[in-house]
Amino acid sequence: MPRGVIFVALALISLMSLAIAQNGPTPSNSERKVTSRIAPDYPELARRMHIRGVVKVEAIVRANGTVKTTRVLGGNPVLVDPAAAAVGKWKFEPAQTETTEVVQVSFESQ
């Protein structure tokens, strides 16, 4: 295959990826205040292994302040499920529209 064809193909793939990324949901910078925070369950495995850390979670928050969905953005695999489950139970202050909030859940060795 000629180099020009490969270059054009790569350029098209890059442009399509950029277009898809731009059409996806974009997080807001609203930083709504948490009115009710539920502590995550500390996993027994993490406790035995003295695992500590922070899990970053994206929460889609409805206008009434309840969490619609959560998505883990990063953290220790042993800690991500309890963090996402806890954030799913949090309550935020009401707003006029649905927002995207990024929160961090800290786990300290117990």
C-alpha atoms as a PDB file:
ATOM      1  CA  MET A   1       0.000   0.000   0.000  1.00  0.00           C
ATOM      2  CA  PRO A   2       1.419   3.427  -0.869  1.00  0.00           C
ATOM      3  CA  ARG A   3       2.381   5.697   2.023  1.00  0.00           C
ATOM      4  CA  GLY A   4      -0.075   8.376   0.897  1.00  0.00           C
ATOM      5  CA  VAL A   5      -3.030   6.015   1.238  1.00  0.00           C
ATOM      6  CA  ILE A   6      -1.930   4.987   4.729  1.00  0.00           C
ATOM      7  CA  PHE A   7      -1.506   8.633   5.739  1.00  0.00           C
ATOM      8  CA  VAL A   8      -4.980   9.554   4.449  1.00  0.00           C
ATOM      9  CA  ALA A   9      -6.529   6.556   6.246  1.00  0.00           C
ATOM     10  CA  LEU A  10      -4.875   7.510   9.533  1.00  0.00           C
ATOM     11  CA  ALA A  11      -5.962  11.125   9.130  1.00  0.00           C
ATOM     12  CA  LEU A  12      -9.584  10.053   8.550  1.00  0.00           C
ATOM     13  CA  ILE A  13      -9.533   7.778  11.595  1.00  0.00           C
ATOM     14  CA  SER A  14      -8.162  10.627  13.716  1.00  0.00           C
ATOM     15  CA  LEU A  15     -10.844  13.028  12.497  1.00  0.00           C
ATOM     16  CA  MET A  16     -13.620  10.494  13.149  1.00  0.00           C
ATOM     17  CA  SER A  17     -12.309   9.867  16.678  1.00  0.00           C
ATOM     18  CA  LEU A  18     -12.240  13.598  17.347  1.00  0.00           C
ATOM     19  CA  ALA A  19     -15.803  14.010  16.065  1.00  0.00           C
ATOM     20  CA  ILE A  20     -17.063  11.151  18.253  1.00  0.00           C
ATOM     21  CA  ALA A  21     -15.300  12.563  21.308  1.00  0.00           C
ATOM     22  CA  GLN A  22     -16.799  16.006  20.733  1.00  0.00           C
ATOM     23  CA  ASN A  23     -20.336  14.610  20.443  1.00  0.00           C
ATOM     24  CA  GLY A  24     -20.087  12.606  23.681  1.00  0.00           C
ATOM     25  CA  PRO A  25     -21.292  13.886  27.027  1.00  0.00           C
ATOM     26  CA  THR A  26     -19.097  16.547  28.532  1.00  0.00           C
ATOM     27  CA  PRO A  27     -18.677  16.839  32.274  1.00  0.00           C
ATOM     28  CA  SER A  28     -19.920  20.043  33.812  1.00  0.00           C
ATOM     29  CA  ASN A  29     -17.946  22.131  36.228  1.00  0.00           C
ATOM     30  CA  SER A  30     -20.935  22.720  38.497  1.00  0.00           C
ATOM     31  CA  GLU A  31     -19.496  21.012  41.577  1.00  0.00           C
ATOM     32  CA  ARG A  32     -22.842  20.616  43.308  1.00  0.00           C
ATOM     33  CA  LYS A  33     -22.529  20.180  47.040  1.00  0.00           C
ATOM     34  CA  VAL A  34     -23.078  16.760  48.573  1.00  0.00           C
ATOM     35  CA  THR A  35     -25.918  16.886  51.106  1.00  0.00           C
ATOM     36  CA  SER A  36     -25.782  13.227  52.153  1.00  0.00           C
ATOM     37  CA  ARG A  37     -22.572  11.211  51.865  1.00  0.00           C
ATOM     38  CA  ILE A  38     -22.581   7.430  52.436  1.00  0.00           C
ATOM     39  CA  ALA A  39     -19.235   5.908  53.467  1.00  0.00           C
ATOM     40  CA  PRO A  40     -18.102   2.995  51.296  1.00  0.00           C
ATOM     41  CA  ASP A  41     -17.733  -0.507  52.719  1.00  0.00           C
ATOM     42  CA  TYR A  42     -14.041  -1.274  53.205  1.00  0.00           C
ATOM     43  CA  PRO A  43     -13.437  -4.629  51.438  1.00  0.00           C
ATOM     44  CA  GLU A  44     -12.075  -7.418  53.649  1.00  0.00           C
ATOM     45  CA  LEU A  45      -9.321  -8.145  51.115  1.00  0.00           C
ATOM     46  CA  ALA A  46      -8.219  -4.499  51.219  1.00  0.00           C
ATOM     47  CA  ARG A  47      -8.274  -4.591  54.999  1.00  0.00           C
ATOM     48  CA  ARG A  48      -6.091  -7.728  55.145  1.00  0.00           C
ATOM     49  CA  MET A  49      -3.661  -6.350  52.575  1.00  0.00           C
ATOM     50  CA  HIS A  50      -3.615  -2.828  54.106  1.00  0.00           C
ATOM     51  CA  ILE A  51      -4.673  -1.324  50.782  1.00  0.00           C
ATOM     52  CA  ARG A  52      -5.324   2.413  50.842  1.00  0.00           C
ATOM     53  CA  GLY A  53      -6.116   4.796  48.066  1.00  0.00           C
ATOM     54  CA  VAL A  54      -8.466   7.120  46.269  1.00  0.00           C
ATOM     55  CA  VAL A  55     -11.079   6.159  43.697  1.00  0.00           C
ATOM     56  CA  LYS A  56     -12.256   8.780  41.224  1.00  0.00           C
ATOM     57  CA  VAL A  57     -15.941   8.417  40.298  1.00  0.00           C
ATOM     58  CA  GLU A  58     -18.047  10.297  37.763  1.00  0.00           C
ATOM     59  CA  ALA A  59     -21.687  10.641  38.817  1.00  0.00           C
ATOM     60  CA  ILE A  60     -24.572  11.753  36.632  1.00  0.00           C
ATOM     61  CA  VAL A  61     -26.797  13.638  39.090  1.00  0.00           C
ATOM     62  CA  ARG A  62     -30.462  14.292  38.394  1.00  0.00           C
ATOM     63  CA  ALA A  63     -31.932  17.755  38.911  1.00  0.00           C
ATOM     64  CA  ASN A  64     -33.478  16.587  42.211  1.00  0.00           C
ATOM     65  CA  GLY A  65     -30.028  15.634  43.565  1.00  0.00           C
ATOM     66  CA  THR A  66     -30.197  11.840  43.338  1.00  0.00           C
ATOM     67  CA  VAL A  67     -27.489   9.939  41.480  1.00  0.00           C
ATOM     68  CA  LYS A  68     -28.641   8.490  38.167  1.00  0.00           C
ATOM     69  CA  THR A  69     -25.463   6.597  37.206  1.00  0.00           C
ATOM     70  CA  THR A  70     -21.843   6.233  38.244  1.00  0.00           C
ATOM     71  CA  ARG A  71     -18.705   5.433  36.279  1.00  0.00           C
ATOM     72  CA  VAL A  72     -15.296   4.734  37.778  1.00  0.00           C
ATOM     73  CA  LEU A  73     -12.545   6.912  36.308  1.00  0.00           C
ATOM     74  CA  GLY A  74      -9.657   5.401  38.250  1.00  0.00           C
ATOM     75  CA  GLY A  75      -8.493   3.699  41.391  1.00  0.00           C
ATOM     76  CA  ASN A  76      -7.359   0.395  42.839  1.00  0.00           C
ATOM     77  CA  PRO A  77      -9.478  -2.457  41.393  1.00  0.00           C
ATOM     78  CA  VAL A  78     -10.143  -3.809  44.894  1.00  0.00           C
ATOM     79  CA  LEU A  79     -11.704  -0.476  45.903  1.00  0.00           C
ATOM     80  CA  VAL A  80     -13.649   0.620  42.814  1.00  0.00           C
ATOM     81  CA  ASP A  81     -16.873  -1.374  43.325  1.00  0.00           C
ATOM     82  CA  PRO A  82     -17.497  -0.234  46.922  1.00  0.00           C
ATOM     83  CA  ALA A  83     -16.678   3.366  45.934  1.00  0.00           C
ATOM     84  CA  ALA A  84     -19.113   3.379  43.010  1.00  0.00           C
ATOM     85  CA  ALA A  85     -21.827   1.735  45.134  1.00  0.00           C
ATOM     86  CA  ALA A  86     -21.417   4.345  47.876  1.00  0.00           C
ATOM     87  CA  VAL A  87     -21.487   7.316  45.478  1.00  0.00           C
ATOM     88  CA  GLY A  88     -24.647   5.871  43.925  1.00  0.00           C
ATOM     89  CA  LYS A  89     -26.362   6.430  47.294  1.00  0.00           C
ATOM     90  CA  TRP A  90     -25.155  10.001  47.788  1.00  0.00           C
ATOM     91  CA  LYS A  91     -27.506  12.980  47.578  1.00  0.00           C
ATOM     92  CA  PHE A  92     -26.539  16.325  46.057  1.00  0.00           C
ATOM     93  CA  GLU A  93     -28.146  19.726  46.329  1.00  0.00           C
ATOM     94  CA  PRO A  94     -30.963  20.272  43.787  1.00  0.00           C
ATOM     95  CA  ALA A  95     -30.223  22.096  40.525  1.00  0.00           C
ATOM     96  CA  GLN A  96     -32.167  23.149  37.456  1.00  0.00           C
ATOM     97  CA  THR A  97     -30.693  20.453  35.227  1.00  0.00           C
ATOM     98  CA  GLU A  98     -28.921  17.122  35.339  1.00  0.00           C
ATOM     99  CA  THR A  99     -25.169  17.532  35.872  1.00  0.00           C
ATOM    100  CA  THR A 100     -22.026  15.455  35.784  1.00  0.00           C
ATOM    101  CA  GLU A 101     -19.971  15.509  38.963  1.00  0.00           C
ATOM    102  CA  VAL A 102     -16.527  13.999  39.501  1.00  0.00           C
ATOM    103  CA  VAL A 103     -15.850  13.001  43.099  1.00  0.00           C
ATOM    104  CA  GLN A 104     -13.061  11.229  44.940  1.00  0.00           C
ATOM    105  CA  VAL A 105     -13.621   8.531  47.547  1.00  0.00           C
ATOM    106  CA  SER A 106     -10.732   7.923  49.948  1.00  0.00           C
ATOM    107  CA  PHE A 107      -9.984   4.596  51.578  1.00  0.00           C
ATOM    108  CA  GLU A 108      -7.677   4.544  54.593  1.00  0.00           C
ATOM    109  CA  SER A 109      -6.192   1.354  55.998  1.00  0.00           C
ATOM    110  CA  GLN A 110      -8.336   0.027  58.851  1.00  0.00           C
END
